[in-house]
Amino acid sequence: MAISFVRIDDRVIHGQLMTRWAKELPCDGIVAIDDAVAADPLLSQVMKGAVTDVKVWLFDTETAVSKLPKVIASDKKYFVIAKSPVTLRRISEAGISLRILIKKSTSAR
């Protein structure tokens, strides 16, 4: 499987992801999945701008369902980040299995 890391994090992409996780588990790209973030051009630009070392894709759930099989079949390693566990559940219900340890983090709000 080409997915090396799956994370639920309401911050989606942030500094800790790049300074800690990307160094411990190197990746070739980040697939972030959230309907609201993908629909907001400004927020999408901010998220993509937070990462300079690897390619970032921001997908809504429907697009992720169609793209993830290609990601899984790839020889490259990717992080998959969802803002909500509901998003990953919807992906699972669509028949895509992400059999990887899920690290859960949500900020205190």
N, C-alpha and C. Protein backbone atom coordinates (compact mmCIF):
# COMPACT_ATOMS: atom_id res chain seq x y z
N MET A 1 0.84 -1.18 0.00
CA MET A 1 0.00 0.00 0.00
C MET A 1 0.88 1.24 0.00
N ALA A 2 0.52 2.23 -0.78
CA ALA A 2 1.32 3.43 -0.91
C ALA A 2 0.94 4.52 0.10
N ILE A 3 0.00 4.21 0.97
CA ILE A 3 -0.36 5.18 2.00
C ILE A 3 0.42 4.81 3.26
N SER A 4 1.28 5.73 3.67
CA SER A 4 2.14 5.43 4.82
C SER A 4 1.59 5.97 6.13
N PHE A 5 0.56 6.80 6.06
CA PHE A 5 0.10 7.49 7.26
C PHE A 5 -1.31 8.00 7.02
N VAL A 6 -2.22 7.70 7.93
CA VAL A 6 -3.57 8.25 7.87
C VAL A 6 -3.81 8.99 9.17
N ARG A 7 -4.32 10.19 9.07
CA ARG A 7 -4.50 11.02 10.25
C ARG A 7 -5.84 11.74 10.18
N ILE A 8 -6.48 11.83 11.32
CA ILE A 8 -7.67 12.68 11.47
C ILE A 8 -7.21 13.88 12.28
N ASP A 9 -7.37 15.05 11.69
CA ASP A 9 -6.88 16.25 12.36
C ASP A 9 -7.71 17.44 11.89
N ASP A 10 -8.37 18.11 12.82
CA ASP A 10 -9.24 19.21 12.40
C ASP A 10 -8.47 20.42 11.88
N ARG A 11 -7.14 20.40 12.03
CA ARG A 11 -6.32 21.49 11.46
C ARG A 11 -5.89 21.16 10.04
N VAL A 12 -6.13 19.96 9.60
CA VAL A 12 -5.78 19.42 8.28
C VAL A 12 -4.27 19.47 8.08
N ILE A 13 -3.72 20.54 7.54
CA ILE A 13 -2.28 20.64 7.32
C ILE A 13 -1.76 21.78 8.19
N HIS A 14 -0.70 21.50 8.94
CA HIS A 14 -0.15 22.49 9.86
C HIS A 14 1.32 22.19 10.10
N GLY A 15 1.97 23.03 10.86
CA GLY A 15 3.41 22.93 11.08
C GLY A 15 3.87 21.63 11.70
N GLN A 16 3.15 21.11 12.69
CA GLN A 16 3.56 19.86 13.36
C GLN A 16 3.61 18.70 12.37
N LEU A 17 2.68 18.71 11.45
CA LEU A 17 2.66 17.65 10.44
C LEU A 17 3.97 17.63 9.67
N MET A 18 4.44 18.79 9.29
CA MET A 18 5.65 18.84 8.46
C MET A 18 6.93 18.73 9.28
N THR A 19 6.94 19.27 10.48
CA THR A 19 8.17 19.23 11.27
C THR A 19 8.37 17.90 11.99
N ARG A 20 7.30 17.22 12.32
CA ARG A 20 7.44 15.97 13.06
C ARG A 20 7.12 14.74 12.21
N TRP A 21 5.89 14.65 11.73
CA TRP A 21 5.45 13.42 11.07
C TRP A 21 6.15 13.20 9.73
N ALA A 22 6.34 14.23 8.96
CA ALA A 22 6.98 14.05 7.65
C ALA A 22 8.44 13.64 7.79
N LYS A 23 9.06 13.97 8.90
CA LYS A 23 10.45 13.56 9.13
C LYS A 23 10.51 12.11 9.63
N GLU A 24 9.55 11.71 10.45
CA GLU A 24 9.53 10.35 10.97
C GLU A 24 9.04 9.35 9.93
N LEU A 25 8.11 9.76 9.12
CA LEU A 25 7.52 8.91 8.08
C LEU A 25 7.58 9.66 6.75
N PRO A 26 8.73 9.66 6.10
CA PRO A 26 8.85 10.44 4.86
C PRO A 26 7.77 10.07 3.84
N CYS A 27 7.33 11.09 3.11
CA CYS A 27 6.29 10.86 2.12
C CYS A 27 6.60 11.63 0.85
N ASP A 28 5.96 11.21 -0.23
CA ASP A 28 6.12 11.87 -1.52
C ASP A 28 5.00 12.87 -1.78
N GLY A 29 3.93 12.80 -1.00
CA GLY A 29 2.81 13.71 -1.19
C GLY A 29 1.80 13.59 -0.08
N ILE A 30 0.93 14.59 0.01
CA ILE A 30 -0.11 14.64 1.03
C ILE A 30 -1.46 14.76 0.34
N VAL A 31 -2.38 13.88 0.72
CA VAL A 31 -3.75 13.94 0.22
C VAL A 31 -4.62 14.37 1.40
N ALA A 32 -5.13 15.59 1.34
CA ALA A 32 -6.01 16.11 2.38
C ALA A 32 -7.44 16.04 1.87
N ILE A 33 -8.33 15.56 2.73
CA ILE A 33 -9.71 15.33 2.30
C ILE A 33 -10.66 16.06 3.24
N ASP A 34 -11.37 17.02 2.69
CA ASP A 34 -12.41 17.72 3.44
C ASP A 34 -13.25 18.51 2.46
N ASP A 35 -14.55 18.36 2.53
CA ASP A 35 -15.43 19.03 1.57
C ASP A 35 -15.34 20.55 1.67
N ALA A 36 -15.34 21.09 2.90
CA ALA A 36 -15.32 22.55 3.06
C ALA A 36 -13.99 23.15 2.63
N VAL A 37 -12.88 22.52 3.00
CA VAL A 37 -11.56 23.04 2.64
C VAL A 37 -11.39 22.99 1.12
N ALA A 38 -11.78 21.89 0.50
CA ALA A 38 -11.64 21.75 -0.96
C ALA A 38 -12.48 22.78 -1.71
N ALA A 39 -13.60 23.20 -1.13
CA ALA A 39 -14.49 24.15 -1.79
C ALA A 39 -14.08 25.60 -1.58
N ASP A 40 -13.16 25.86 -0.68
CA ASP A 40 -12.75 27.23 -0.36
C ASP A 40 -11.39 27.53 -1.01
N PRO A 41 -11.36 28.32 -2.08
CA PRO A 41 -10.10 28.57 -2.78
C PRO A 41 -9.03 29.21 -1.90
N LEU A 42 -9.41 30.13 -1.03
CA LEU A 42 -8.42 30.78 -0.16
C LEU A 42 -7.84 29.79 0.84
N LEU A 43 -8.69 29.03 1.50
CA LEU A 43 -8.22 28.05 2.47
C LEU A 43 -7.37 26.97 1.79
N SER A 44 -7.77 26.57 0.60
CA SER A 44 -6.98 25.58 -0.15
C SER A 44 -5.59 26.12 -0.45
N GLN A 45 -5.52 27.37 -0.84
CA GLN A 45 -4.23 27.99 -1.14
C GLN A 45 -3.35 28.07 0.11
N VAL A 46 -3.94 28.40 1.24
CA VAL A 46 -3.20 28.47 2.50
C VAL A 46 -2.66 27.09 2.87
N MET A 47 -3.51 26.06 2.76
CA MET A 47 -3.08 24.69 3.10
C MET A 47 -1.94 24.23 2.19
N LYS A 48 -2.08 24.48 0.91
CA LYS A 48 -1.02 24.08 -0.03
C LYS A 48 0.25 24.87 0.22
N GLY A 49 0.12 26.13 0.61
CA GLY A 49 1.28 26.97 0.88
C GLY A 49 2.03 26.59 2.15
N ALA A 50 1.36 25.86 3.04
CA ALA A 50 1.99 25.45 4.30
C ALA A 50 3.03 24.36 4.08
N VAL A 51 3.00 23.72 2.93
CA VAL A 51 3.91 22.61 2.63
C VAL A 51 4.70 22.97 1.37
N THR A 52 6.01 22.95 1.50
CA THR A 52 6.84 23.30 0.35
C THR A 52 7.66 22.13 -0.16
N ASP A 53 7.82 21.09 0.64
CA ASP A 53 8.71 19.98 0.28
C ASP A 53 8.05 18.90 -0.57
N VAL A 54 6.74 18.75 -0.47
CA VAL A 54 6.04 17.69 -1.18
C VAL A 54 4.77 18.25 -1.82
N LYS A 55 4.26 17.52 -2.77
CA LYS A 55 3.02 17.90 -3.46
C LYS A 55 1.83 17.68 -2.53
N VAL A 56 0.86 18.59 -2.60
CA VAL A 56 -0.35 18.50 -1.78
C VAL A 56 -1.57 18.50 -2.70
N TRP A 57 -2.48 17.57 -2.43
CA TRP A 57 -3.76 17.55 -3.12
C TRP A 57 -4.85 17.73 -2.08
N LEU A 58 -5.81 18.58 -2.37
CA LEU A 58 -6.97 18.79 -1.51
C LEU A 58 -8.20 18.33 -2.27
N PHE A 59 -8.86 17.31 -1.74
CA PHE A 59 -10.02 16.73 -2.40
C PHE A 59 -11.25 16.82 -1.53
N ASP A 60 -12.41 16.97 -2.16
CA ASP A 60 -13.65 16.72 -1.44
C ASP A 60 -13.80 15.21 -1.36
N THR A 61 -14.75 14.76 -0.58
CA THR A 61 -14.89 13.31 -0.34
C THR A 61 -15.17 12.55 -1.64
N GLU A 62 -16.04 13.07 -2.47
CA GLU A 62 -16.40 12.39 -3.71
C GLU A 62 -15.18 12.23 -4.62
N THR A 63 -14.39 13.28 -4.74
CA THR A 63 -13.18 13.20 -5.57
C THR A 63 -12.18 12.24 -4.95
N ALA A 64 -12.05 12.27 -3.63
CA ALA A 64 -11.12 11.36 -2.96
C ALA A 64 -11.48 9.90 -3.23
N VAL A 65 -12.77 9.59 -3.22
CA VAL A 65 -13.20 8.22 -3.49
C VAL A 65 -12.74 7.78 -4.89
N SER A 66 -12.76 8.69 -5.85
CA SER A 66 -12.33 8.31 -7.19
C SER A 66 -10.81 8.30 -7.35
N LYS A 67 -10.09 9.11 -6.57
CA LYS A 67 -8.63 9.22 -6.72
C LYS A 67 -7.84 8.27 -5.82
N LEU A 68 -8.37 7.91 -4.67
CA LEU A 68 -7.61 7.09 -3.72
C LEU A 68 -7.17 5.73 -4.25
N PRO A 69 -7.96 5.06 -5.08
CA PRO A 69 -7.44 3.79 -5.62
C PRO A 69 -6.12 3.96 -6.38
N LYS A 70 -5.96 5.07 -7.10
CA LYS A 70 -4.70 5.34 -7.81
C LYS A 70 -3.58 5.62 -6.81
N VAL A 71 -3.89 6.33 -5.75
CA VAL A 71 -2.90 6.63 -4.71
C VAL A 71 -2.45 5.33 -4.05
N ILE A 72 -3.39 4.47 -3.72
CA ILE A 72 -3.08 3.19 -3.06
C ILE A 72 -2.22 2.30 -3.96
N ALA A 73 -2.48 2.34 -5.27
CA ALA A 73 -1.74 1.50 -6.21
C ALA A 73 -0.37 2.07 -6.57
N SER A 74 -0.10 3.28 -6.18
CA SER A 74 1.15 3.95 -6.54
C SER A 74 2.35 3.35 -5.81
N ASP A 75 3.52 3.52 -6.38
CA ASP A 75 4.76 3.13 -5.73
C ASP A 75 5.24 4.19 -4.74
N LYS A 76 4.68 5.37 -4.83
CA LYS A 76 5.07 6.46 -3.94
C LYS A 76 4.31 6.35 -2.62
N LYS A 77 4.82 7.06 -1.62
CA LYS A 77 4.20 7.03 -0.29
C LYS A 77 3.47 8.34 -0.04
N TYR A 78 2.26 8.22 0.47
CA TYR A 78 1.43 9.39 0.70
C TYR A 78 0.88 9.40 2.12
N PHE A 79 0.69 10.61 2.64
CA PHE A 79 -0.09 10.82 3.85
C PHE A 79 -1.52 11.08 3.40
N VAL A 80 -2.48 10.55 4.13
CA VAL A 80 -3.88 10.89 3.92
C VAL A 80 -4.36 11.55 5.21
N ILE A 81 -4.90 12.74 5.08
CA ILE A 81 -5.37 13.50 6.24
C ILE A 81 -6.83 13.88 6.00
N ALA A 82 -7.66 13.58 6.97
CA ALA A 82 -9.07 13.98 6.92
C ALA A 82 -9.34 14.87 8.12
N LYS A 83 -10.18 15.85 7.92
CA LYS A 83 -10.51 16.76 9.00
C LYS A 83 -11.44 16.11 10.03
N SER A 84 -12.18 15.10 9.59
CA SER A 84 -13.19 14.49 10.46
C SER A 84 -13.21 12.97 10.27
N PRO A 85 -13.50 12.24 11.33
CA PRO A 85 -13.65 10.79 11.18
C PRO A 85 -14.85 10.43 10.29
N VAL A 86 -15.80 11.33 10.20
CA VAL A 86 -16.97 11.09 9.34
C VAL A 86 -16.52 10.98 7.89
N THR A 87 -15.54 11.78 7.50
CA THR A 87 -15.02 11.73 6.14
C THR A 87 -14.41 10.36 5.84
N LEU A 88 -13.61 9.86 6.76
CA LEU A 88 -13.00 8.54 6.55
C LEU A 88 -14.05 7.43 6.55
N ARG A 89 -15.09 7.61 7.35
CA ARG A 89 -16.17 6.62 7.34
C ARG A 89 -16.87 6.62 5.98
N ARG A 90 -17.11 7.79 5.42
CA ARG A 90 -17.75 7.87 4.10
C ARG A 90 -16.87 7.22 3.02
N ILE A 91 -15.57 7.39 3.14
CA ILE A 91 -14.65 6.77 2.19
C ILE A 91 -14.69 5.25 2.35
N SER A 92 -14.72 4.78 3.58
CA SER A 92 -14.81 3.34 3.85
C SER A 92 -16.12 2.77 3.32
N GLU A 93 -17.20 3.49 3.52
CA GLU A 93 -18.51 3.04 3.04
C GLU A 93 -18.56 2.97 1.51
N ALA A 94 -17.68 3.73 0.84
CA ALA A 94 -17.60 3.71 -0.62
C ALA A 94 -16.74 2.55 -1.11
N GLY A 95 -16.20 1.76 -0.15
CA GLY A 95 -15.44 0.58 -0.52
C GLY A 95 -13.93 0.73 -0.53
N ILE A 96 -13.43 1.84 -0.02
CA ILE A 96 -11.98 2.04 0.02
C ILE A 96 -11.50 1.76 1.43
N SER A 97 -10.62 0.79 1.54
CA SER A 97 -10.10 0.39 2.83
C SER A 97 -8.76 1.08 3.10
N LEU A 98 -8.70 1.79 4.18
CA LEU A 98 -7.45 2.42 4.62
C LEU A 98 -6.99 1.68 5.86
N ARG A 99 -6.35 0.55 5.64
CA ARG A 99 -5.93 -0.33 6.74
C ARG A 99 -4.60 0.12 7.30
N ILE A 100 -4.66 1.18 8.02
CA ILE A 100 -3.44 1.77 8.57
C ILE A 100 -3.82 2.34 9.93
N LEU A 101 -2.87 2.39 10.80
CA LEU A 101 -3.09 3.00 12.10
C LEU A 101 -3.50 4.45 11.91
N ILE A 102 -4.58 4.83 12.53
CA ILE A 102 -5.06 6.21 12.42
C ILE A 102 -4.65 6.96 13.69
N LYS A 103 -3.88 7.98 13.49
CA LYS A 103 -3.50 8.85 14.59
C LYS A 103 -4.56 9.94 14.67
N LYS A 104 -5.16 10.08 15.81
CA LYS A 104 -6.23 11.06 15.93
C LYS A 104 -5.75 12.26 16.72
N SER A 105 -6.01 13.42 16.17
CA SER A 105 -5.68 14.65 16.85
C SER A 105 -6.74 15.69 16.53
N THR A 106 -7.27 16.28 17.55
CA THR A 106 -8.16 17.41 17.36
C THR A 106 -7.73 18.47 18.35
N SER A 107 -7.76 19.68 17.91
CA SER A 107 -7.35 20.76 18.81
C SER A 107 -8.46 20.99 19.84
N ALA A 108 -8.09 21.58 20.95
CA ALA A 108 -9.04 21.82 22.03
C ALA A 108 -9.89 23.03 21.68
N ARG A 109 -11.12 22.76 21.23
CA ARG A 109 -12.05 23.85 20.89
C ARG A 109 -13.36 23.60 21.53
